[in-house]
Amino acid sequence: MTSTTPTQGAARRPTADDRLADPVFARRYRAMSARDARFDGQFITGVHSTGIYCRPSCPAVTPKADNVTFYLTAAAAHEAGLRACKRCLPDAVPGSPEWNVRDDLAARAMRLIADGTVEREGVPGLARRLGYTPRHLGRVLTAELGAGPLALARAHRAQTARLLLAGTDMPVTDVAFAAGFSSVRQFNETMAEIYHVTPGAIRASARRRPGIAHGPMVPGAAAGASLSLRLPARAPFDGGRLLAFLGARAIAGMETAVTGGDGIAPSYSRALRLPHGPAAIRLTLSGDADAPAVECEATLADMADLAPLVARVRRLLDLDADAEAIDTALAADPVLAPSVAAAPGIRVPGAVDPEEILFRALIGQQVSVAAARTALARLTDALGEPVAIGGFTRLFPTAQAIAEHGREVLRGPGKRIDAIVGAAAALADGSLAIDVGESRAELEARLIALPGIGAWTAGYVALRVLGSPDVLLTGDLALRQGAARLGLPAEARALAERGAAWSPWRSYAGMHLWESAHLAQQEARAQRPAAEATASARRARLSPAATREA
């Protein structure tokens, strides 16, 4: 590890020159000295002379290099005895893109911790999900991230609590349990230790910051509670295309979308299944080009699901991607450069329900988006769990329901139905698991081992469920058509060879190719009326009546 790890022992305290000789430290120190907001959330600055940790863009006086340690997580800063800066709020920023870019044990653990696995299953459950013993997992996380799983989960609970205190009018006691704390005493002690202020003071401070506080929590009847939160995104953020992608695939009864126009903001809404019950969300864009954000209006049956809800929405919208680095890398290819310039900050859509993505992929392959949406709506209407939350009537069917009754509802080739029902049975009996704690290689291998599932389906699931940044779906017809429109190879093998240069961002290159295919369809539709008018005029000239009149 580099100097970013605070746990390394040393006989002599490193000097400023020693630290700046480390290229990783030097790069981060330059970013911190420039107060570069692009690095907010990617690392944390610990200032030992003041006992605080900050985001890189903190406006405070630049500390001396020999007083600084950089951390990958807030938990590591807490373990070093530091508290959060009250001025820059280092946890009120997009999360680190590391956990999608990396596919190692530490990254997979961080994805599960953010989803609330420790709160629901404890450290043994987290370790079991990852396939290691709790002791080995603790050693790896401490060595890699500077903190063990309990400390990482504790830091995540504190950040969720701060989000609720700043963004809602929930009673403080309710905030404690919604954030995952087991008692109010534990909550108060943790918040005081990390922020050095009381929960009430955090709320009062947020109210004095324009743009931080949001609408009140509205108690619900049968549907728990509703609240509105602002989720920051890393700039640039092409949220419009992302909402359009999700809206075009909306399933009646569980999803709706508003395209926008005439003063109406585009939005995407849906019902979803969470660990303790159903929820509904409505997502709209907010903020500005320099500080983009998403407004999330959520209704939850159980407020204990707030942390996993926020984590899943952030993954759905790919809010933590290092968009500037991705755009810079892809724009270096002269063929992609115009597309990158036209759609800076393009995102890869994620998932709020991993199993749902598998069935969407299986049902949607080799058919149009409209046909897939019709088939999925029929399946959801017939087998989806009835709900009454946020104006929605259905949740996506469970794997158990599809395994038992899918053949009664599904239409199409027998082999495809066999593949869908077979995958559902594997999920239902536990022989197949799909979640954010998987590695890409293992997940794809398990999927391809199932009858009727090929490389395209496995890659698509990895792209959307894991947020894998380096998946190029060359087996996708629309993607190849988009490539051809840009002058790239349209044959799968040749496109794969050409796309190797886009690594490690081939998933984002694929989004540009899909966008190119979408533009081609729009161009074809625009040309169709003129072509039809020309053909109609030609038929009129050649008709018998026209000949007699001539």
Protein backbone atom coordinates (compact mmCIF):
# COMPACT_ATOMS: atom_id res chain seq x y z
CA MET A 1 0.00 0.00 0.00
CA THR A 2 0.97 3.61 -0.47
CA SER A 3 0.97 6.39 2.06
CA THR A 4 -2.82 6.45 1.87
CA THR A 5 -2.88 3.60 4.39
CA PRO A 6 -2.59 4.89 7.96
CA THR A 7 -1.88 1.54 9.57
CA GLN A 8 1.66 1.03 8.31
CA GLY A 9 4.22 1.01 11.08
CA ALA A 10 7.40 3.05 10.71
CA ALA A 11 10.41 3.76 12.91
CA ARG A 12 10.55 7.35 11.70
CA ARG A 13 7.65 9.64 10.95
CA PRO A 14 7.66 10.41 7.20
CA THR A 15 8.68 13.94 6.31
CA ALA A 16 6.96 16.12 3.72
CA ASP A 17 9.61 15.18 1.17
CA ASP A 18 9.10 11.49 1.91
CA ARG A 19 5.37 11.81 1.39
CA LEU A 20 5.62 13.87 -1.80
CA ALA A 21 8.02 11.31 -3.25
CA ASP A 22 5.08 8.88 -3.33
CA PRO A 23 3.32 9.57 -6.69
CA VAL A 24 -0.13 8.67 -5.32
CA PHE A 25 0.27 11.00 -2.34
CA ALA A 26 1.71 13.75 -4.56
CA ARG A 27 -1.19 13.52 -7.02
CA ARG A 28 -3.77 13.71 -4.25
CA TYR A 29 -1.94 16.51 -2.49
CA ARG A 30 -1.97 18.55 -5.74
CA ALA A 31 -5.70 17.93 -6.13
CA MET A 32 -6.32 18.96 -2.53
CA SER A 33 -4.13 22.08 -2.87
CA ALA A 34 -6.11 23.07 -5.99
CA ARG A 35 -9.39 22.42 -4.11
CA ASP A 36 -10.46 20.31 -7.08
CA ALA A 37 -14.07 19.23 -6.53
CA ARG A 38 -13.71 16.46 -9.12
CA PHE A 39 -11.95 14.39 -6.46
CA ASP A 40 -14.61 14.82 -3.76
CA GLY A 41 -15.64 11.37 -2.60
CA GLN A 42 -12.70 9.66 -4.31
CA PHE A 43 -10.49 10.10 -1.26
CA ILE A 44 -10.54 11.88 2.07
CA THR A 45 -7.95 14.29 3.47
CA GLY A 46 -7.02 13.64 7.11
CA VAL A 47 -5.35 16.62 8.79
CA HIS A 48 -3.70 15.41 11.98
CA SER A 49 -2.68 18.86 13.22
CA THR A 50 -6.36 19.83 13.52
CA GLY A 51 -7.87 16.38 14.11
CA ILE A 52 -10.37 16.62 11.25
CA TYR A 53 -10.91 15.05 7.86
CA CYS A 54 -12.15 16.94 4.81
CA ARG A 55 -13.19 16.56 1.21
CA PRO A 56 -10.41 17.53 -1.27
CA SER A 57 -12.21 20.76 -2.22
CA CYS A 58 -12.48 22.05 1.37
CA PRO A 59 -11.88 25.84 1.30
CA ALA A 60 -9.76 25.76 4.46
CA VAL A 61 -6.08 26.70 4.39
CA THR A 62 -3.99 24.00 2.71
CA PRO A 63 -2.31 21.90 5.42
CA LYS A 64 1.36 21.01 5.33
CA ALA A 65 2.14 17.72 3.65
CA ASP A 66 3.67 16.19 6.77
CA ASN A 67 0.37 16.73 8.63
CA VAL A 68 -1.73 14.97 5.98
CA THR A 69 -2.82 11.37 5.43
CA PHE A 70 -5.17 10.40 2.63
CA TYR A 71 -7.85 7.77 3.25
CA LEU A 72 -10.14 5.84 0.94
CA THR A 73 -12.99 5.73 3.46
CA ALA A 74 -14.43 7.87 6.21
CA ALA A 75 -14.24 4.85 8.50
CA ALA A 76 -10.45 4.79 8.20
CA ALA A 77 -10.35 8.47 9.22
CA HIS A 78 -12.60 7.68 12.20
CA GLU A 79 -10.28 4.83 13.21
CA ALA A 80 -7.38 7.30 13.14
CA GLY A 81 -9.23 9.50 15.64
CA LEU A 82 -10.33 12.21 13.21
CA ARG A 83 -13.73 13.91 13.05
CA ALA A 84 -15.65 15.22 10.05
CA CYS A 85 -15.09 18.84 9.03
CA LYS A 86 -18.13 20.98 9.85
CA ARG A 87 -17.26 23.40 7.07
CA CYS A 88 -17.06 21.14 4.01
CA LEU A 89 -19.25 18.17 5.12
CA PRO A 90 -17.00 15.50 3.56
CA ASP A 91 -19.76 12.88 3.45
CA ALA A 92 -22.23 15.12 1.57
CA VAL A 93 -20.58 14.30 -1.76
CA PRO A 94 -20.88 11.57 -4.40
CA GLY A 95 -19.40 8.26 -3.34
CA SER A 96 -16.18 6.75 -4.58
CA PRO A 97 -16.18 5.27 -8.10
CA GLU A 98 -13.58 2.77 -6.88
CA TRP A 99 -16.15 0.20 -5.81
CA ASN A 100 -17.39 -0.33 -9.37
CA VAL A 101 -14.05 0.07 -11.13
CA ARG A 102 -12.44 -2.45 -8.78
CA ASP A 103 -13.75 -6.00 -8.64
CA ASP A 104 -11.67 -7.29 -5.73
CA LEU A 105 -12.85 -8.46 -2.32
CA ALA A 106 -12.66 -5.00 -0.73
CA ALA A 107 -14.76 -3.40 -3.48
CA ARG A 108 -17.37 -6.15 -3.38
CA ALA A 109 -17.58 -5.80 0.41
CA MET A 110 -18.07 -2.04 0.13
CA ARG A 111 -20.96 -2.54 -2.28
CA LEU A 112 -22.67 -4.90 0.14
CA ILE A 113 -21.99 -2.71 3.18
CA ALA A 114 -23.60 0.26 1.41
CA ASP A 115 -26.63 -1.94 0.73
CA GLY A 116 -27.06 -2.56 4.47
CA THR A 117 -25.90 -6.19 4.60
CA VAL A 118 -24.11 -5.77 7.96
CA GLU A 119 -27.22 -4.25 9.56
CA ARG A 120 -29.37 -7.15 8.32
CA GLU A 121 -27.01 -10.14 8.54
CA GLY A 122 -24.05 -9.00 10.65
CA VAL A 123 -20.39 -9.45 9.75
CA PRO A 124 -20.78 -13.26 9.52
CA GLY A 125 -23.52 -12.76 6.93
CA LEU A 126 -21.36 -10.33 4.96
CA ALA A 127 -18.44 -12.75 5.01
CA ARG A 128 -20.67 -15.65 3.96
CA ARG A 129 -21.98 -13.63 0.99
CA LEU A 130 -18.39 -13.02 -0.10
CA GLY A 131 -17.21 -16.57 0.47
CA TYR A 132 -14.62 -15.89 3.19
CA THR A 133 -14.34 -16.20 6.94
CA PRO A 134 -15.12 -13.09 9.02
CA ARG A 135 -11.52 -13.05 10.27
CA HIS A 136 -10.01 -13.09 6.78
CA LEU A 137 -12.48 -10.45 5.57
CA GLY A 138 -11.57 -8.20 8.49
CA ARG A 139 -7.85 -8.54 7.74
CA VAL A 140 -8.33 -7.69 4.07
CA LEU A 141 -10.55 -4.66 4.69
CA THR A 142 -8.27 -3.28 7.39
CA ALA A 143 -5.22 -3.67 5.17
CA GLU A 144 -6.92 -2.29 2.03
CA LEU A 145 -9.25 0.36 3.45
CA GLY A 146 -7.91 1.15 6.91
CA ALA A 147 -10.99 -0.15 8.76
CA GLY A 148 -12.82 -3.41 9.39
CA PRO A 149 -16.39 -4.24 8.35
CA LEU A 150 -18.01 -3.05 11.59
CA ALA A 151 -16.26 0.32 11.40
CA LEU A 152 -17.15 0.70 7.70
CA ALA A 153 -20.80 -0.11 8.41
CA ARG A 154 -20.82 2.29 11.37
CA ALA A 155 -19.50 5.11 9.18
CA HIS A 156 -22.17 4.36 6.60
CA ARG A 157 -24.90 4.51 9.28
CA ALA A 158 -23.59 7.88 10.44
CA GLN A 159 -23.65 9.24 6.89
CA THR A 160 -27.23 8.03 6.41
CA ALA A 161 -28.23 9.66 9.68
CA ARG A 162 -26.64 12.95 8.66
CA LEU A 163 -28.52 12.79 5.35
CA LEU A 164 -31.80 12.33 7.21
CA LEU A 165 -31.08 15.03 9.75
CA ALA A 166 -30.19 17.50 7.01
CA GLY A 167 -32.87 16.51 4.54
CA THR A 168 -36.02 15.72 6.53
CA ASP A 169 -38.00 16.73 9.58
CA MET A 170 -38.05 13.19 10.96
CA PRO A 171 -37.91 13.04 14.76
CA VAL A 172 -34.35 12.40 15.88
CA THR A 173 -35.32 9.10 17.50
CA ASP A 174 -36.78 7.87 14.20
CA VAL A 175 -33.60 8.97 12.40
CA ALA A 176 -31.54 6.75 14.68
CA PHE A 177 -33.43 3.57 13.83
CA ALA A 178 -33.95 4.44 10.15
CA ALA A 179 -30.18 4.83 9.78
CA GLY A 180 -29.62 1.36 11.24
CA PHE A 181 -28.53 2.11 14.82
CA SER A 182 -29.66 -0.39 17.43
CA SER A 183 -30.33 2.24 20.11
CA VAL A 184 -30.66 5.99 20.52
CA ARG A 185 -27.71 5.97 22.91
CA GLN A 186 -25.48 4.31 20.31
CA PHE A 187 -26.70 6.82 17.74
CA ASN A 188 -25.95 9.85 19.92
CA GLU A 189 -22.50 8.56 20.89
CA THR A 190 -21.54 7.80 17.29
CA MET A 191 -22.72 11.15 15.94
CA ALA A 192 -20.91 13.02 18.70
CA GLU A 193 -17.71 11.07 18.10
CA ILE A 194 -17.73 11.54 14.32
CA TYR A 195 -19.13 15.05 13.99
CA HIS A 196 -18.39 16.47 17.49
CA VAL A 197 -21.88 17.95 17.61
CA THR A 198 -25.31 16.69 18.64
CA PRO A 199 -27.84 15.43 16.06
CA GLY A 200 -29.93 18.53 16.75
CA ALA A 201 -26.97 20.77 15.94
CA ILE A 202 -26.42 18.93 12.65
CA ARG A 203 -30.03 19.62 11.69
CA ALA A 204 -29.83 23.27 12.72
CA SER A 205 -26.62 23.76 10.72
CA ALA A 206 -28.19 22.17 7.64
CA ARG A 207 -31.14 24.54 7.82
CA ARG A 208 -28.71 27.45 7.54
CA ARG A 209 -27.14 26.06 4.36
CA PRO A 210 -29.08 26.95 1.20
CA GLY A 211 -29.88 23.90 -0.91
CA ILE A 212 -29.20 21.38 1.84
CA ALA A 213 -32.50 21.16 3.67
CA HIS A 214 -35.51 19.68 1.90
CA GLY A 215 -39.17 19.12 2.35
CA PRO A 216 -40.60 17.58 5.50
CA MET A 217 -41.25 13.92 6.00
CA VAL A 218 -44.92 13.24 5.49
CA PRO A 219 -46.37 10.38 7.58
CA GLY A 220 -48.15 7.80 5.48
CA ALA A 221 -51.05 5.56 6.33
CA ALA A 222 -50.43 2.05 5.05
CA ALA A 223 -47.26 3.02 3.24
CA GLY A 224 -44.87 4.00 6.02
CA ALA A 225 -43.51 7.46 5.33
CA SER A 226 -42.58 9.72 2.44
CA LEU A 227 -39.57 11.97 2.22
CA SER A 228 -37.51 13.88 -0.31
CA LEU A 229 -33.73 13.74 -0.52
CA ARG A 230 -31.15 15.32 -2.78
CA LEU A 231 -28.55 12.86 -4.06
CA PRO A 232 -25.41 14.54 -5.41
CA ALA A 233 -23.89 13.32 -8.69
CA ARG A 234 -20.36 13.65 -9.98
CA ALA A 235 -20.13 16.17 -12.83
CA PRO A 236 -20.61 16.04 -15.74
CA PHE A 237 -23.89 14.14 -15.49
CA ASP A 238 -26.08 13.36 -18.50
CA GLY A 239 -29.14 12.56 -16.44
CA GLY A 240 -31.62 13.31 -19.22
CA ARG A 241 -30.51 10.42 -21.42
CA LEU A 242 -30.38 8.11 -18.43
CA LEU A 243 -33.98 8.86 -17.41
CA ALA A 244 -35.02 8.47 -21.06
CA PHE A 245 -33.35 5.03 -21.21
CA LEU A 246 -35.22 3.88 -18.10
CA GLY A 247 -38.47 5.48 -19.20
CA ALA A 248 -38.42 3.80 -22.61
CA ARG A 249 -38.37 0.43 -20.82
CA ALA A 250 -40.98 1.27 -18.17
CA ILE A 251 -43.32 -1.62 -17.26
CA ALA A 252 -46.97 -0.67 -16.81
CA GLY A 253 -48.17 -1.02 -13.24
CA MET A 254 -44.72 -0.73 -11.64
CA GLU A 255 -42.99 2.08 -13.58
CA THR A 256 -43.92 5.39 -15.17
CA ALA A 257 -41.94 8.08 -16.94
CA VAL A 258 -42.51 11.69 -17.97
CA THR A 259 -40.50 12.79 -21.00
CA GLY A 260 -40.67 16.48 -20.09
CA GLY A 261 -41.34 19.57 -22.17
CA ASP A 262 -43.62 22.61 -21.87
CA GLY A 263 -42.12 23.47 -18.51
CA ILE A 264 -42.53 19.93 -17.14
CA ALA A 265 -39.34 18.30 -15.88
CA PRO A 266 -38.55 14.77 -17.04
CA SER A 267 -38.93 12.13 -14.36
CA TYR A 268 -38.84 8.41 -13.76
CA SER A 269 -40.87 6.62 -11.09
CA ARG A 270 -41.23 3.02 -10.00
CA ALA A 271 -42.15 0.60 -7.25
CA LEU A 272 -39.45 -1.68 -5.92
CA ARG A 273 -38.92 -4.44 -3.40
CA LEU A 274 -36.62 -3.74 -0.44
CA PRO A 275 -35.48 -6.01 2.42
CA HIS A 276 -38.26 -4.95 4.81
CA GLY A 277 -41.07 -4.16 2.37
CA PRO A 278 -42.04 -2.28 -0.79
CA ALA A 279 -41.12 1.27 -1.67
CA ALA A 280 -41.82 3.76 -4.45
CA ILE A 281 -39.51 6.44 -5.83
CA ARG A 282 -39.82 9.41 -8.15
CA LEU A 283 -36.56 10.74 -9.62
CA THR A 284 -36.06 14.18 -11.18
CA LEU A 285 -32.95 16.14 -12.09
CA SER A 286 -31.78 19.13 -10.08
CA GLY A 287 -28.65 21.14 -9.35
CA ASP A 288 -26.56 22.65 -12.14
CA ALA A 289 -23.78 21.64 -14.53
CA ASP A 290 -21.08 22.09 -11.89
CA ALA A 291 -22.97 20.42 -9.05
CA PRO A 292 -25.61 18.12 -10.55
CA ALA A 293 -28.00 16.21 -8.33
CA VAL A 294 -31.11 14.06 -8.38
CA GLU A 295 -34.18 14.72 -6.28
CA CYS A 296 -35.48 11.43 -4.91
CA GLU A 297 -39.01 11.47 -3.54
CA ALA A 298 -39.42 8.17 -1.74
CA THR A 299 -42.25 6.37 0.01
CA LEU A 300 -41.18 3.40 2.14
CA ALA A 301 -43.18 0.78 3.97
CA ASP A 302 -40.35 0.58 6.53
CA MET A 303 -37.87 3.39 7.16
CA ALA A 304 -35.20 0.81 8.02
CA ASP A 305 -34.89 0.39 4.25
CA LEU A 306 -33.73 3.95 3.65
CA ALA A 307 -30.00 3.18 3.46
CA PRO A 308 -30.38 0.35 0.92
CA LEU A 309 -32.84 2.49 -1.04
CA VAL A 310 -30.33 5.34 -1.36
CA ALA A 311 -27.53 2.92 -2.27
CA ARG A 312 -29.65 1.28 -4.96
CA VAL A 313 -30.83 4.55 -6.47
CA ARG A 314 -27.24 5.78 -6.63
CA ARG A 315 -26.29 2.58 -8.43
CA LEU A 316 -29.33 2.75 -10.73
CA LEU A 317 -28.27 6.21 -11.90
CA ASP A 318 -24.49 5.59 -11.76
CA LEU A 319 -24.13 8.80 -9.74
CA ASP A 320 -20.60 8.05 -8.51
CA ALA A 321 -18.92 7.43 -11.88
CA ASP A 322 -15.76 9.45 -12.58
CA ALA A 323 -17.36 10.96 -15.67
CA GLU A 324 -14.57 13.39 -16.45
CA ALA A 325 -11.92 10.65 -16.53
CA ILE A 326 -14.19 8.44 -18.64
CA ASP A 327 -14.95 11.21 -21.15
CA THR A 328 -11.29 12.16 -21.43
CA ALA A 329 -10.27 8.57 -22.17
CA LEU A 330 -13.01 7.94 -24.75
CA ALA A 331 -12.59 11.32 -26.46
CA ALA A 332 -9.00 10.35 -27.22
CA ASP A 333 -10.50 8.13 -29.95
CA PRO A 334 -11.30 10.49 -32.85
CA VAL A 335 -14.27 8.33 -33.86
CA LEU A 336 -15.91 8.60 -30.43
CA ALA A 337 -14.87 12.19 -29.72
CA PRO A 338 -17.94 13.81 -31.39
CA SER A 339 -20.28 11.51 -29.47
CA VAL A 340 -18.54 12.32 -26.18
CA ALA A 341 -18.78 16.04 -26.95
CA ALA A 342 -22.50 15.69 -27.71
CA ALA A 343 -23.24 13.68 -24.55
CA PRO A 344 -20.71 14.51 -21.83
CA GLY A 345 -21.17 12.58 -18.62
CA ILE A 346 -23.11 9.70 -20.17
CA ARG A 347 -23.97 7.04 -17.60
CA VAL A 348 -24.50 3.28 -17.54
CA PRO A 349 -27.94 2.43 -16.09
CA GLY A 350 -27.76 0.18 -13.05
CA ALA A 351 -30.33 -1.86 -11.13
CA VAL A 352 -32.48 -1.69 -8.03
CA ASP A 353 -33.41 -5.38 -8.33
CA PRO A 354 -30.65 -7.69 -9.63
CA GLU A 355 -32.97 -10.63 -10.38
CA GLU A 356 -35.29 -8.35 -12.35
CA ILE A 357 -32.42 -7.41 -14.65
CA LEU A 358 -31.78 -11.05 -15.52
CA PHE A 359 -35.40 -11.56 -16.56
CA ARG A 360 -35.44 -8.30 -18.49
CA ALA A 361 -32.37 -9.48 -20.39
CA LEU A 362 -33.79 -12.93 -21.14
CA ILE A 363 -37.19 -11.64 -22.24
CA GLY A 364 -35.79 -8.66 -24.15
CA GLN A 365 -33.10 -10.34 -26.24
CA GLN A 366 -33.69 -10.44 -30.00
CA VAL A 367 -36.91 -8.40 -29.77
CA SER A 368 -37.60 -4.67 -29.89
CA VAL A 369 -37.75 -2.54 -26.76
CA ALA A 370 -41.52 -2.09 -27.27
CA ALA A 371 -42.10 -5.84 -27.63
CA ALA A 372 -40.03 -6.58 -24.53
CA ARG A 373 -41.95 -3.98 -22.56
CA THR A 374 -45.27 -5.56 -23.60
CA ALA A 375 -44.11 -9.05 -22.59
CA LEU A 376 -42.74 -7.81 -19.26
CA ALA A 377 -45.96 -5.92 -18.52
CA ARG A 378 -47.99 -9.07 -19.19
CA LEU A 379 -45.73 -11.08 -16.88
CA THR A 380 -45.83 -8.45 -14.13
CA ASP A 381 -49.60 -8.07 -14.33
CA ALA A 382 -50.11 -11.82 -14.07
CA LEU A 383 -47.46 -12.79 -11.51
CA GLY A 384 -46.31 -9.58 -9.82
CA GLU A 385 -46.96 -9.05 -6.13
CA PRO A 386 -49.91 -6.66 -5.63
CA VAL A 387 -49.03 -3.43 -3.80
CA ALA A 388 -50.57 -0.07 -3.15
CA ILE A 389 -47.70 2.36 -2.75
CA GLY A 390 -46.86 5.56 -4.59
CA GLY A 391 -49.72 5.00 -7.03
CA PHE A 392 -48.30 1.66 -8.24
CA THR A 393 -50.14 -1.65 -8.22
CA ARG A 394 -47.45 -4.28 -8.82
CA LEU A 395 -43.91 -5.29 -7.91
CA PHE A 396 -41.86 -7.27 -10.40
CA PRO A 397 -42.56 -11.01 -10.03
CA THR A 398 -40.33 -13.00 -7.74
CA ALA A 399 -38.17 -15.80 -9.12
CA GLN A 400 -40.36 -18.27 -7.21
CA ALA A 401 -43.51 -17.01 -8.97
CA ILE A 402 -41.88 -17.19 -12.41
CA ALA A 403 -40.53 -20.68 -11.74
CA GLU A 404 -43.97 -21.95 -10.71
CA HIS A 405 -46.22 -20.13 -13.18
CA GLY A 406 -44.02 -18.61 -15.87
CA ARG A 407 -44.99 -21.16 -18.53
CA GLU A 408 -48.62 -20.12 -18.16
CA VAL A 409 -47.83 -16.50 -19.05
CA LEU A 410 -44.69 -16.40 -21.20
CA ARG A 411 -44.94 -16.47 -24.99
CA GLY A 412 -42.30 -17.19 -27.61
CA PRO A 413 -39.87 -19.94 -28.56
CA GLY A 414 -39.87 -22.94 -26.24
CA LYS A 415 -36.13 -22.80 -25.64
CA ARG A 416 -36.37 -19.20 -24.47
CA ILE A 417 -39.19 -20.04 -22.08
CA ASP A 418 -37.16 -23.00 -20.80
CA ALA A 419 -34.19 -20.66 -20.17
CA ILE A 420 -36.34 -18.12 -18.30
CA VAL A 421 -38.10 -20.69 -16.13
CA GLY A 422 -34.81 -22.56 -15.53
CA ALA A 423 -33.07 -19.40 -14.36
CA ALA A 424 -36.03 -18.59 -12.11
CA ALA A 425 -35.87 -22.06 -10.56
CA ALA A 426 -32.12 -21.70 -9.92
CA LEU A 427 -32.69 -18.36 -8.19
CA ALA A 428 -35.61 -19.73 -6.19
CA ASP A 429 -33.73 -22.76 -4.86
CA GLY A 430 -30.56 -20.77 -4.11
CA SER A 431 -28.28 -22.51 -6.59
CA LEU A 432 -27.91 -19.14 -8.38
CA ALA A 433 -27.42 -15.83 -6.60
CA ILE A 434 -27.17 -12.40 -8.19
CA ASP A 435 -26.18 -9.42 -6.06
CA VAL A 436 -23.68 -6.59 -5.90
CA GLY A 437 -21.24 -8.69 -3.89
CA GLU A 438 -20.42 -10.90 -6.86
CA SER A 439 -17.29 -10.65 -8.97
CA ARG A 440 -17.88 -10.21 -12.67
CA ALA A 441 -16.00 -13.35 -13.73
CA GLU A 442 -17.81 -15.60 -11.25
CA LEU A 443 -21.24 -14.15 -12.00
CA GLU A 444 -20.84 -14.48 -15.76
CA ALA A 445 -19.52 -18.05 -15.44
CA ARG A 446 -22.48 -19.14 -13.31
CA LEU A 447 -24.97 -17.54 -15.70
CA ILE A 448 -23.43 -19.02 -18.83
CA ALA A 449 -23.49 -22.45 -17.18
CA LEU A 450 -27.31 -22.30 -17.18
CA PRO A 451 -29.08 -23.69 -20.28
CA GLY A 452 -30.11 -21.00 -22.75
CA ILE A 453 -27.99 -18.18 -21.30
CA GLY A 454 -25.17 -16.84 -23.44
CA ALA A 455 -22.42 -14.26 -23.28
CA TRP A 456 -24.69 -11.31 -24.17
CA THR A 457 -27.10 -11.97 -21.29
CA ALA A 458 -24.28 -12.58 -18.80
CA GLY A 459 -22.48 -9.43 -19.89
CA TYR A 460 -25.64 -7.32 -19.73
CA VAL A 461 -26.36 -8.52 -16.18
CA ALA A 462 -22.78 -7.75 -15.11
CA LEU A 463 -23.01 -4.30 -16.68
CA ARG A 464 -26.25 -3.34 -14.96
CA VAL A 465 -26.09 -5.22 -11.64
CA LEU A 466 -22.41 -4.85 -10.80
CA GLY A 467 -21.86 -1.55 -12.61
CA SER A 468 -18.90 -3.18 -14.39
CA PRO A 469 -17.29 -0.38 -16.42
CA ASP A 470 -15.55 -2.55 -19.03
CA VAL A 471 -18.28 -4.59 -20.75
CA LEU A 472 -18.69 -4.20 -24.53
CA LEU A 473 -21.73 -6.15 -25.72
CA THR A 474 -20.58 -6.84 -29.27
CA GLY A 475 -23.33 -9.45 -29.63
CA ASP A 476 -25.95 -6.68 -29.45
CA LEU A 477 -27.40 -5.85 -32.88
CA ALA A 478 -28.36 -2.28 -32.02
CA LEU A 479 -24.91 -1.61 -30.57
CA ARG A 480 -23.26 -2.85 -33.78
CA GLN A 481 -25.63 -0.74 -35.88
CA GLY A 482 -24.63 2.31 -33.84
CA ALA A 483 -20.99 1.42 -34.37
CA ALA A 484 -21.51 1.20 -38.14
CA ARG A 485 -23.15 4.62 -38.17
CA LEU A 486 -19.98 6.07 -36.64
CA GLY A 487 -17.73 4.29 -39.10
CA LEU A 488 -16.65 1.54 -36.70
CA PRO A 489 -16.66 -2.18 -37.54
CA ALA A 490 -20.14 -3.70 -37.51
CA GLU A 491 -18.92 -7.31 -37.16
CA ALA A 492 -18.70 -8.53 -33.56
CA ARG A 493 -15.13 -9.80 -33.55
CA ALA A 494 -13.74 -6.79 -35.39
CA LEU A 495 -15.64 -4.41 -33.11
CA ALA A 496 -14.26 -6.21 -30.04
CA GLU A 497 -10.72 -5.82 -31.36
CA ARG A 498 -11.31 -2.14 -32.18
CA GLY A 499 -12.93 -1.54 -28.79
CA ALA A 500 -10.00 -2.95 -26.82
CA ALA A 501 -8.49 0.52 -26.89
CA TRP A 502 -11.45 1.85 -24.87
CA SER A 503 -10.65 -0.31 -21.84
CA PRO A 504 -11.35 0.09 -18.94
CA TRP A 505 -14.38 2.14 -20.00
CA ARG A 506 -15.95 -0.07 -22.67
CA SER A 507 -19.36 -0.05 -20.94
CA TYR A 508 -19.53 3.71 -21.43
CA ALA A 509 -18.32 3.41 -25.03
CA GLY A 510 -21.19 0.98 -25.54
CA MET A 511 -23.64 3.58 -24.26
CA HIS A 512 -22.35 5.98 -26.93
CA LEU A 513 -22.85 3.29 -29.57
CA TRP A 514 -26.39 2.64 -28.35
CA GLU A 515 -27.02 6.39 -28.49
CA SER A 516 -25.73 6.39 -32.07
CA ALA A 517 -28.20 3.62 -32.96
CA HIS A 518 -31.01 5.61 -31.31
CA LEU A 519 -30.09 8.68 -33.37
CA ALA A 520 -30.12 6.53 -36.52
CA GLN A 521 -33.67 5.42 -35.70
CA GLN A 522 -34.72 9.03 -35.17
CA GLU A 523 -33.18 10.02 -38.50
CA ALA A 524 -35.00 7.17 -40.24
CA ARG A 525 -38.32 8.22 -38.73
CA ALA A 526 -37.73 11.82 -39.78
CA GLN A 527 -37.02 10.76 -43.36
CA ARG A 528 -39.99 8.38 -43.57
CA PRO A 529 -42.74 11.01 -44.22
CA ALA A 530 -40.76 12.55 -47.07
CA ALA A 531 -40.07 9.12 -48.58
CA GLU A 532 -43.73 8.13 -48.23
CA ALA A 533 -44.84 11.38 -49.88
CA THR A 534 -42.48 10.79 -52.79
CA ALA A 535 -43.73 7.23 -53.21
CA SER A 536 -47.35 8.35 -53.04
CA ALA A 537 -46.75 10.99 -55.71
CA ARG A 538 -45.06 8.42 -57.91
CA ARG A 539 -47.98 6.00 -57.54
CA ALA A 540 -50.40 8.78 -58.42
CA ARG A 541 -48.48 9.58 -61.57
CA LEU A 542 -48.55 5.94 -62.64
CA SER A 543 -52.21 5.19 -61.78
CA PRO A 544 -54.78 4.68 -64.61
CA ALA A 545 -56.78 7.71 -63.51
CA ALA A 546 -53.70 9.86 -63.65
CA THR A 547 -52.89 8.48 -67.12
CA ARG A 548 -56.40 9.29 -68.42
CA GLU A 549 -56.21 12.81 -67.01
CA ALA A 550 -52.84 13.28 -68.68
